[in-house]
Amino acid sequence: MKYKVVTVRSDFLDKVRNFGIDDQNQPVEIMEAKGGEPCRDVLRGAKVGEKLILASYCPFTKTGPYKEYGPIFVLANSESGELDSNKLPLPNGSETDYLGHTFVLKAYCVNERILDAKLTSPEQAESDLEEFLSNEKVSFVIARYAAYGCYSFRVERTA
C-alpha cells in the first residue's frame, strides 16, 4: 500500500518562525538544541547547537473532543533538505534518529475521531500501517511517541 508521510503544516511553520506565535496564539520558546530533540518539520533528531522553536501544535482541523494541542520542536531556520515522504522515519542507530523503538500509531476517520490504535515497533510498523490504511474507514494515521504521547507525524494514503 502506498502512503505519504506528512510533516507539520506550512502555515504553522510560517507563523512560528516569522511571527513567534503558535497554534494557541501564545509566544513560542526559542532554545539551543542539546541534541536529539525530535524536529517535526524535518523528521529527525536535532543536532547539538541547532536553534529550535518549542511551540504548541494542533494536527487537527475539525472541532470536537479529539481536537488537541501539544508541544513540538521545529528548527528555527528552515532546512532545504528533501524528506522521503514514501517511507517512515524509522531509527537506524544515528544520533539524529527520530522515532524510538516503541511508538504509537492511531487511525482516524474523516471526522478526525480515533478508530483504532496500536503500540508498535520499527519491525512491525509497516504492517500495522498497512492494516490501518487498508480499512476504507481510515482517513489518516498519526504517529505519536510512546512515553510522552507527543505528536510525531501524519500518514495519508496515496493513489
N, C-alpha and C. Protein backbone atom coordinates (compact mmCIF):
# COMPACT_ATOMS: atom_id res chain seq x y z
N MET A 1 0.85 -1.19 0.00
CA MET A 1 0.00 0.00 0.00
C MET A 1 0.89 1.24 0.00
N LYS A 2 0.52 2.19 -0.84
CA LYS A 2 1.29 3.42 -0.93
C LYS A 2 0.73 4.46 0.04
N TYR A 3 1.66 5.21 0.61
CA TYR A 3 1.28 6.26 1.55
C TYR A 3 2.31 7.38 1.48
N LYS A 4 1.96 8.50 2.12
CA LYS A 4 2.93 9.59 2.25
C LYS A 4 2.97 10.05 3.70
N VAL A 5 4.17 10.34 4.15
CA VAL A 5 4.39 10.86 5.49
C VAL A 5 4.32 12.38 5.39
N VAL A 6 3.52 12.99 6.26
CA VAL A 6 3.29 14.43 6.21
C VAL A 6 3.83 15.07 7.49
N THR A 7 4.65 16.09 7.33
CA THR A 7 5.18 16.81 8.49
C THR A 7 4.15 17.86 8.93
N VAL A 8 4.56 18.80 9.74
CA VAL A 8 3.65 19.84 10.24
C VAL A 8 3.23 20.78 9.10
N ARG A 9 2.12 21.44 9.30
CA ARG A 9 1.56 22.35 8.29
C ARG A 9 2.51 23.52 7.99
N SER A 10 2.57 23.93 6.73
CA SER A 10 3.44 25.05 6.35
C SER A 10 2.97 26.37 6.95
N ASP A 11 1.65 26.56 7.12
CA ASP A 11 1.17 27.80 7.73
C ASP A 11 1.62 27.89 9.19
N PHE A 12 1.70 26.75 9.88
CA PHE A 12 2.20 26.72 11.26
C PHE A 12 3.67 27.14 11.28
N LEU A 13 4.47 26.57 10.37
CA LEU A 13 5.90 26.89 10.33
C LEU A 13 6.11 28.38 10.06
N ASP A 14 5.33 28.94 9.16
CA ASP A 14 5.43 30.37 8.86
C ASP A 14 5.09 31.20 10.11
N LYS A 15 4.04 30.81 10.79
CA LYS A 15 3.58 31.56 11.96
C LYS A 15 4.61 31.52 13.10
N VAL A 16 5.17 30.34 13.38
CA VAL A 16 6.12 30.25 14.50
C VAL A 16 7.47 30.87 14.15
N ARG A 17 7.91 30.73 12.90
CA ARG A 17 9.22 31.26 12.52
C ARG A 17 9.19 32.77 12.27
N ASN A 18 8.13 33.27 11.66
CA ASN A 18 8.10 34.68 11.27
C ASN A 18 7.37 35.59 12.25
N PHE A 19 6.47 35.02 13.04
CA PHE A 19 5.69 35.85 13.96
C PHE A 19 5.86 35.45 15.42
N GLY A 20 6.48 34.29 15.66
CA GLY A 20 6.74 33.85 17.03
C GLY A 20 5.49 33.47 17.81
N ILE A 21 4.44 33.05 17.09
CA ILE A 21 3.16 32.71 17.72
C ILE A 21 2.80 31.28 17.30
N ASP A 22 2.28 30.49 18.25
CA ASP A 22 1.94 29.09 17.95
C ASP A 22 0.44 28.92 17.68
N ASP A 23 -0.01 27.66 17.60
CA ASP A 23 -1.41 27.37 17.29
C ASP A 23 -2.38 27.79 18.39
N GLN A 24 -1.88 28.10 19.57
CA GLN A 24 -2.76 28.61 20.63
C GLN A 24 -2.59 30.12 20.80
N ASN A 25 -1.96 30.74 19.80
CA ASN A 25 -1.71 32.18 19.80
C ASN A 25 -0.93 32.65 21.01
N GLN A 26 0.00 31.84 21.42
CA GLN A 26 0.89 32.21 22.52
C GLN A 26 2.32 32.27 21.98
N PRO A 27 3.20 33.02 22.66
CA PRO A 27 4.58 33.14 22.18
C PRO A 27 5.30 31.79 22.21
N VAL A 28 6.13 31.56 21.20
CA VAL A 28 6.94 30.34 21.15
C VAL A 28 8.17 30.52 22.03
N GLU A 29 8.84 29.41 22.32
CA GLU A 29 10.11 29.46 23.04
C GLU A 29 11.21 29.10 22.05
N ILE A 30 12.28 29.88 22.08
CA ILE A 30 13.43 29.60 21.23
C ILE A 30 14.57 29.14 22.13
N MET A 31 15.25 28.07 21.70
CA MET A 31 16.30 27.49 22.52
C MET A 31 17.37 26.86 21.64
N GLU A 32 18.46 26.50 22.28
CA GLU A 32 19.54 25.80 21.59
C GLU A 32 19.39 24.31 21.89
N ALA A 33 19.52 23.50 20.85
CA ALA A 33 19.36 22.05 20.99
C ALA A 33 20.48 21.44 21.82
N LYS A 34 20.07 20.52 22.68
CA LYS A 34 21.04 19.72 23.43
C LYS A 34 21.43 18.50 22.60
N GLY A 35 20.61 18.22 21.61
CA GLY A 35 20.83 17.09 20.71
C GLY A 35 19.78 16.02 20.91
N GLY A 36 19.15 15.61 19.83
CA GLY A 36 18.16 14.54 19.88
C GLY A 36 16.72 14.99 19.97
N GLU A 37 16.46 16.27 20.21
CA GLU A 37 15.07 16.73 20.27
C GLU A 37 14.40 16.43 18.92
N PRO A 38 13.19 15.85 18.94
CA PRO A 38 12.54 15.45 17.69
C PRO A 38 11.97 16.65 16.92
N CYS A 39 12.58 16.97 15.80
CA CYS A 39 12.16 18.12 14.99
C CYS A 39 11.10 17.66 14.00
N ARG A 40 9.87 18.11 14.21
CA ARG A 40 8.73 17.63 13.42
C ARG A 40 8.74 18.13 11.99
N ASP A 41 9.47 19.19 11.69
CA ASP A 41 9.49 19.71 10.32
C ASP A 41 10.45 18.97 9.41
N VAL A 42 11.45 18.29 9.98
CA VAL A 42 12.44 17.58 9.18
C VAL A 42 12.50 16.09 9.52
N LEU A 43 11.70 15.66 10.49
CA LEU A 43 11.60 14.26 10.91
C LEU A 43 12.96 13.64 11.23
N ARG A 44 13.70 14.38 12.05
CA ARG A 44 14.97 13.89 12.56
C ARG A 44 15.24 14.52 13.91
N GLY A 45 16.16 13.92 14.64
CA GLY A 45 16.57 14.49 15.91
C GLY A 45 17.46 15.70 15.66
N ALA A 46 17.37 16.68 16.56
CA ALA A 46 18.18 17.89 16.43
C ALA A 46 19.65 17.58 16.66
N LYS A 47 20.49 18.38 16.03
CA LYS A 47 21.92 18.31 16.24
C LYS A 47 22.29 19.32 17.33
N VAL A 48 23.27 18.98 18.14
CA VAL A 48 23.70 19.87 19.22
C VAL A 48 23.98 21.26 18.66
N GLY A 49 23.42 22.27 19.32
CA GLY A 49 23.66 23.66 18.95
C GLY A 49 22.68 24.25 17.96
N GLU A 50 21.84 23.43 17.31
CA GLU A 50 20.85 24.00 16.39
C GLU A 50 19.85 24.84 17.16
N LYS A 51 19.37 25.90 16.53
CA LYS A 51 18.32 26.73 17.13
C LYS A 51 16.98 26.06 16.90
N LEU A 52 16.22 25.90 17.99
CA LEU A 52 14.92 25.24 17.94
C LEU A 52 13.83 26.18 18.39
N ILE A 53 12.62 25.87 17.93
CA ILE A 53 11.41 26.52 18.42
C ILE A 53 10.59 25.44 19.10
N LEU A 54 10.14 25.73 20.31
CA LEU A 54 9.20 24.87 21.04
C LEU A 54 7.86 25.60 21.02
N ALA A 55 6.84 24.95 20.47
CA ALA A 55 5.55 25.60 20.30
C ALA A 55 4.43 24.58 20.42
N SER A 56 3.24 25.07 20.68
CA SER A 56 2.05 24.23 20.75
C SER A 56 1.48 24.07 19.35
N TYR A 57 1.18 22.81 18.98
CA TYR A 57 0.72 22.48 17.64
C TYR A 57 -0.57 21.67 17.70
N CYS A 58 -1.46 21.90 16.74
CA CYS A 58 -2.68 21.11 16.61
C CYS A 58 -2.71 20.46 15.24
N PRO A 59 -2.65 19.12 15.17
CA PRO A 59 -2.69 18.44 13.88
C PRO A 59 -4.10 18.23 13.32
N PHE A 60 -5.10 18.76 14.01
CA PHE A 60 -6.49 18.54 13.61
C PHE A 60 -7.11 19.82 13.06
N THR A 61 -8.13 19.67 12.23
CA THR A 61 -8.80 20.83 11.62
C THR A 61 -10.25 20.97 12.06
N LYS A 62 -10.82 19.90 12.59
CA LYS A 62 -12.24 19.91 12.97
C LYS A 62 -12.39 20.10 14.48
N THR A 63 -13.47 20.79 14.87
CA THR A 63 -13.75 20.94 16.28
C THR A 63 -14.30 19.62 16.83
N GLY A 64 -14.19 19.45 18.12
CA GLY A 64 -14.70 18.23 18.75
C GLY A 64 -13.77 17.76 19.85
N PRO A 65 -14.17 16.69 20.52
CA PRO A 65 -13.43 16.23 21.69
C PRO A 65 -12.04 15.68 21.39
N TYR A 66 -11.76 15.31 20.13
CA TYR A 66 -10.44 14.76 19.80
C TYR A 66 -9.45 15.83 19.36
N LYS A 67 -9.92 17.06 19.15
CA LYS A 67 -9.02 18.14 18.75
C LYS A 67 -8.14 18.48 19.95
N GLU A 68 -6.84 18.36 19.75
CA GLU A 68 -5.91 18.59 20.85
C GLU A 68 -4.68 19.34 20.38
N TYR A 69 -4.01 19.96 21.34
CA TYR A 69 -2.78 20.72 21.11
C TYR A 69 -1.68 20.09 21.95
N GLY A 70 -0.47 20.15 21.44
CA GLY A 70 0.64 19.61 22.21
C GLY A 70 1.95 20.27 21.81
N PRO A 71 2.95 20.15 22.67
CA PRO A 71 4.24 20.77 22.40
C PRO A 71 5.04 20.00 21.35
N ILE A 72 5.64 20.73 20.43
CA ILE A 72 6.53 20.12 19.43
C ILE A 72 7.76 21.02 19.23
N PHE A 73 8.84 20.40 18.75
CA PHE A 73 10.03 21.14 18.34
C PHE A 73 10.06 21.22 16.82
N VAL A 74 10.48 22.38 16.31
CA VAL A 74 10.81 22.54 14.89
C VAL A 74 12.10 23.35 14.84
N LEU A 75 12.80 23.26 13.72
CA LEU A 75 14.01 24.07 13.55
C LEU A 75 13.61 25.53 13.43
N ALA A 76 14.40 26.42 14.04
CA ALA A 76 14.11 27.85 13.95
C ALA A 76 14.33 28.36 12.53
N ASN A 77 15.25 27.73 11.83
CA ASN A 77 15.53 28.10 10.44
C ASN A 77 15.13 26.94 9.55
N SER A 78 14.49 27.26 8.44
CA SER A 78 14.06 26.18 7.55
C SER A 78 15.27 25.48 6.95
N GLU A 79 15.09 24.21 6.69
CA GLU A 79 16.15 23.38 6.10
C GLU A 79 15.66 22.94 4.74
N SER A 80 16.50 23.05 3.74
CA SER A 80 16.07 22.74 2.38
C SER A 80 16.23 21.27 2.01
N GLY A 81 16.70 20.44 2.92
CA GLY A 81 16.87 19.02 2.62
C GLY A 81 15.56 18.35 2.29
N GLU A 82 15.60 17.42 1.37
CA GLU A 82 14.40 16.71 0.95
C GLU A 82 14.11 15.55 1.89
N LEU A 83 12.86 15.39 2.22
CA LEU A 83 12.41 14.24 3.01
C LEU A 83 11.87 13.18 2.06
N ASP A 84 12.08 11.94 2.41
CA ASP A 84 11.47 10.85 1.64
C ASP A 84 10.10 10.59 2.27
N SER A 85 9.07 11.15 1.68
CA SER A 85 7.72 11.03 2.26
C SER A 85 7.09 9.67 1.97
N ASN A 86 7.82 8.80 1.29
CA ASN A 86 7.29 7.47 0.97
C ASN A 86 7.73 6.40 1.94
N LYS A 87 8.43 6.78 3.00
CA LYS A 87 8.83 5.79 4.00
C LYS A 87 8.82 6.41 5.38
N LEU A 88 8.60 5.56 6.37
CA LEU A 88 8.57 6.01 7.76
C LEU A 88 9.98 6.36 8.22
N PRO A 89 10.12 7.39 9.06
CA PRO A 89 11.44 7.77 9.58
C PRO A 89 11.86 6.87 10.75
N LEU A 90 12.12 5.62 10.43
CA LEU A 90 12.44 4.62 11.46
C LEU A 90 13.89 4.78 11.94
N PRO A 91 14.16 4.39 13.18
CA PRO A 91 15.53 4.54 13.71
C PRO A 91 16.52 3.63 12.99
N ASN A 92 17.75 4.15 12.84
CA ASN A 92 18.81 3.37 12.20
C ASN A 92 20.12 3.42 12.99
N GLY A 93 20.05 3.86 14.24
CA GLY A 93 21.25 3.93 15.07
C GLY A 93 22.00 5.24 14.97
N SER A 94 21.45 6.21 14.28
CA SER A 94 22.09 7.51 14.10
C SER A 94 21.80 8.41 15.31
N GLU A 95 22.67 9.38 15.54
CA GLU A 95 22.42 10.33 16.62
C GLU A 95 21.24 11.25 16.32
N THR A 96 20.79 11.26 15.07
CA THR A 96 19.63 12.07 14.71
C THR A 96 18.38 11.22 14.44
N ASP A 97 18.36 9.98 14.98
CA ASP A 97 17.15 9.15 14.86
C ASP A 97 15.95 9.94 15.35
N TYR A 98 14.83 9.71 14.70
CA TYR A 98 13.61 10.44 15.02
C TYR A 98 12.68 9.64 15.93
N LEU A 99 12.32 8.46 15.50
CA LEU A 99 11.45 7.60 16.30
C LEU A 99 12.28 6.69 17.19
N GLY A 100 11.66 6.24 18.27
CA GLY A 100 12.30 5.28 19.15
C GLY A 100 11.94 3.86 18.76
N HIS A 101 12.22 2.94 19.65
CA HIS A 101 11.95 1.53 19.35
C HIS A 101 10.54 1.10 19.72
N THR A 102 9.78 2.02 20.29
CA THR A 102 8.36 1.81 20.54
C THR A 102 7.66 3.13 20.28
N PHE A 103 6.58 3.10 19.52
CA PHE A 103 5.79 4.29 19.28
C PHE A 103 4.34 3.87 19.02
N VAL A 104 3.47 4.84 18.89
CA VAL A 104 2.04 4.58 18.75
C VAL A 104 1.58 5.01 17.37
N LEU A 105 0.73 4.21 16.77
CA LEU A 105 0.02 4.60 15.55
C LEU A 105 -1.46 4.66 15.89
N LYS A 106 -2.10 5.79 15.55
CA LYS A 106 -3.53 5.96 15.79
C LYS A 106 -4.23 6.23 14.46
N ALA A 107 -5.26 5.45 14.17
CA ALA A 107 -6.03 5.59 12.94
C ALA A 107 -7.26 6.46 13.19
N TYR A 108 -7.50 7.42 12.28
CA TYR A 108 -8.61 8.36 12.41
C TYR A 108 -9.50 8.31 11.17
N CYS A 109 -10.78 8.58 11.38
CA CYS A 109 -11.72 8.69 10.27
C CYS A 109 -11.71 10.12 9.74
N VAL A 110 -12.49 10.37 8.70
CA VAL A 110 -12.55 11.68 8.07
C VAL A 110 -13.04 12.76 9.06
N ASN A 111 -13.82 12.36 10.06
CA ASN A 111 -14.31 13.30 11.07
C ASN A 111 -13.31 13.50 12.21
N GLU A 112 -12.09 12.95 12.04
CA GLU A 112 -10.99 13.10 12.99
C GLU A 112 -11.28 12.49 14.36
N ARG A 113 -11.93 11.34 14.33
CA ARG A 113 -12.17 10.57 15.55
C ARG A 113 -11.34 9.29 15.46
N ILE A 114 -10.84 8.85 16.60
CA ILE A 114 -9.99 7.67 16.63
C ILE A 114 -10.81 6.42 16.33
N LEU A 115 -10.31 5.62 15.38
CA LEU A 115 -10.93 4.35 15.05
C LEU A 115 -10.18 3.18 15.68
N ASP A 116 -8.85 3.32 15.78
CA ASP A 116 -8.03 2.23 16.30
C ASP A 116 -6.66 2.81 16.67
N ALA A 117 -5.93 2.08 17.50
CA ALA A 117 -4.58 2.50 17.89
C ALA A 117 -3.77 1.27 18.25
N LYS A 118 -2.46 1.36 18.00
CA LYS A 118 -1.56 0.25 18.32
C LYS A 118 -0.23 0.79 18.82
N LEU A 119 0.30 0.13 19.82
CA LEU A 119 1.68 0.32 20.21
C LEU A 119 2.48 -0.52 19.24
N THR A 120 3.48 0.07 18.58
CA THR A 120 4.20 -0.65 17.54
C THR A 120 5.70 -0.49 17.69
N SER A 121 6.43 -1.12 16.80
CA SER A 121 7.89 -1.08 16.78
C SER A 121 8.35 -0.86 15.35
N PRO A 122 9.63 -0.51 15.14
CA PRO A 122 10.11 -0.35 13.77
C PRO A 122 9.91 -1.61 12.92
N GLU A 123 10.03 -2.77 13.53
CA GLU A 123 9.86 -4.02 12.80
C GLU A 123 8.41 -4.28 12.41
N GLN A 124 7.47 -3.81 13.19
CA GLN A 124 6.04 -4.08 12.98
C GLN A 124 5.29 -2.92 12.34
N ALA A 125 5.89 -1.73 12.31
CA ALA A 125 5.18 -0.51 11.92
C ALA A 125 4.59 -0.56 10.52
N GLU A 126 5.34 -1.04 9.55
CA GLU A 126 4.83 -1.08 8.17
C GLU A 126 3.58 -1.95 8.07
N SER A 127 3.58 -3.12 8.69
CA SER A 127 2.40 -3.98 8.60
C SER A 127 1.22 -3.40 9.39
N ASP A 128 1.50 -2.77 10.53
CA ASP A 128 0.42 -2.11 11.28
C ASP A 128 -0.18 -0.97 10.46
N LEU A 129 0.68 -0.19 9.82
CA LEU A 129 0.21 0.92 9.00
C LEU A 129 -0.60 0.40 7.81
N GLU A 130 -0.13 -0.65 7.17
CA GLU A 130 -0.87 -1.23 6.05
C GLU A 130 -2.24 -1.73 6.50
N GLU A 131 -2.29 -2.34 7.67
CA GLU A 131 -3.58 -2.81 8.19
C GLU A 131 -4.54 -1.65 8.39
N PHE A 132 -4.07 -0.56 8.99
CA PHE A 132 -4.93 0.61 9.20
C PHE A 132 -5.38 1.20 7.87
N LEU A 133 -4.44 1.42 6.96
CA LEU A 133 -4.77 2.10 5.71
C LEU A 133 -5.58 1.24 4.73
N SER A 134 -5.60 -0.06 4.95
CA SER A 134 -6.44 -0.92 4.10
C SER A 134 -7.91 -0.87 4.52
N ASN A 135 -8.17 -0.29 5.69
CA ASN A 135 -9.54 -0.10 6.15
C ASN A 135 -10.08 1.18 5.50
N GLU A 136 -11.12 1.06 4.69
CA GLU A 136 -11.64 2.23 3.98
C GLU A 136 -12.19 3.32 4.90
N LYS A 137 -12.49 2.99 6.14
CA LYS A 137 -12.98 3.99 7.09
C LYS A 137 -11.86 4.88 7.62
N VAL A 138 -10.62 4.42 7.49
CA VAL A 138 -9.47 5.19 7.98
C VAL A 138 -9.10 6.25 6.96
N SER A 139 -9.07 7.50 7.40
CA SER A 139 -8.71 8.62 6.55
C SER A 139 -7.22 8.93 6.64
N PHE A 140 -6.66 8.83 7.85
CA PHE A 140 -5.24 9.10 8.06
C PHE A 140 -4.80 8.43 9.36
N VAL A 141 -3.48 8.37 9.55
CA VAL A 141 -2.89 7.79 10.75
C VAL A 141 -1.92 8.80 11.33
N ILE A 142 -1.92 8.91 12.64
CA ILE A 142 -0.95 9.78 13.32
C ILE A 142 -0.03 8.92 14.16
N ALA A 143 1.27 9.20 14.04
CA ALA A 143 2.28 8.54 14.87
C ALA A 143 2.56 9.44 16.07
N ARG A 144 2.69 8.81 17.22
CA ARG A 144 2.98 9.53 18.47
C ARG A 144 4.09 8.80 19.21
N TYR A 145 4.80 9.56 20.02
CA TYR A 145 5.84 8.97 20.86
C TYR A 145 5.16 8.24 22.02
N ALA A 146 5.67 7.06 22.35
CA ALA A 146 5.02 6.21 23.34
C ALA A 146 5.06 6.80 24.75
N ALA A 147 6.19 7.28 25.19
CA ALA A 147 6.32 7.71 26.59
C ALA A 147 5.56 8.99 26.88
N TYR A 148 5.73 10.01 26.06
CA TYR A 148 5.11 11.30 26.33
C TYR A 148 3.79 11.51 25.58
N GLY A 149 3.55 10.73 24.55
CA GLY A 149 2.31 10.86 23.79
C GLY A 149 2.30 12.00 22.80
N CYS A 150 3.44 12.63 22.58
CA CYS A 150 3.52 13.79 21.69
C CYS A 150 3.35 13.40 20.23
N TYR A 151 2.78 14.31 19.48
CA TYR A 151 2.59 14.17 18.04
C TYR A 151 3.94 14.00 17.36
N SER A 152 4.00 13.10 16.39
CA SER A 152 5.23 12.88 15.64
C SER A 152 5.07 13.23 14.16
N PHE A 153 4.10 12.62 13.48
CA PHE A 153 3.81 12.93 12.08
C PHE A 153 2.49 12.28 11.68
N ARG A 154 2.04 12.62 10.50
CA ARG A 154 0.79 12.11 9.96
C ARG A 154 1.10 11.26 8.73
N VAL A 155 0.31 10.23 8.50
CA VAL A 155 0.46 9.38 7.32
C VAL A 155 -0.88 9.35 6.59
N GLU A 156 -0.82 9.59 5.29
CA GLU A 156 -2.02 9.59 4.46
C GLU A 156 -1.86 8.57 3.34
N ARG A 157 -2.95 7.95 2.95
CA ARG A 157 -2.99 7.01 1.83
C ARG A 157 -2.79 7.79 0.53
N THR A 158 -2.06 7.21 -0.42
CA THR A 158 -1.93 7.81 -1.74
C THR A 158 -2.49 6.85 -2.78
N ALA A 159 -2.77 7.38 -3.96
CA ALA A 159 -3.36 6.56 -5.03
C ALA A 159 -2.39 5.56 -5.59
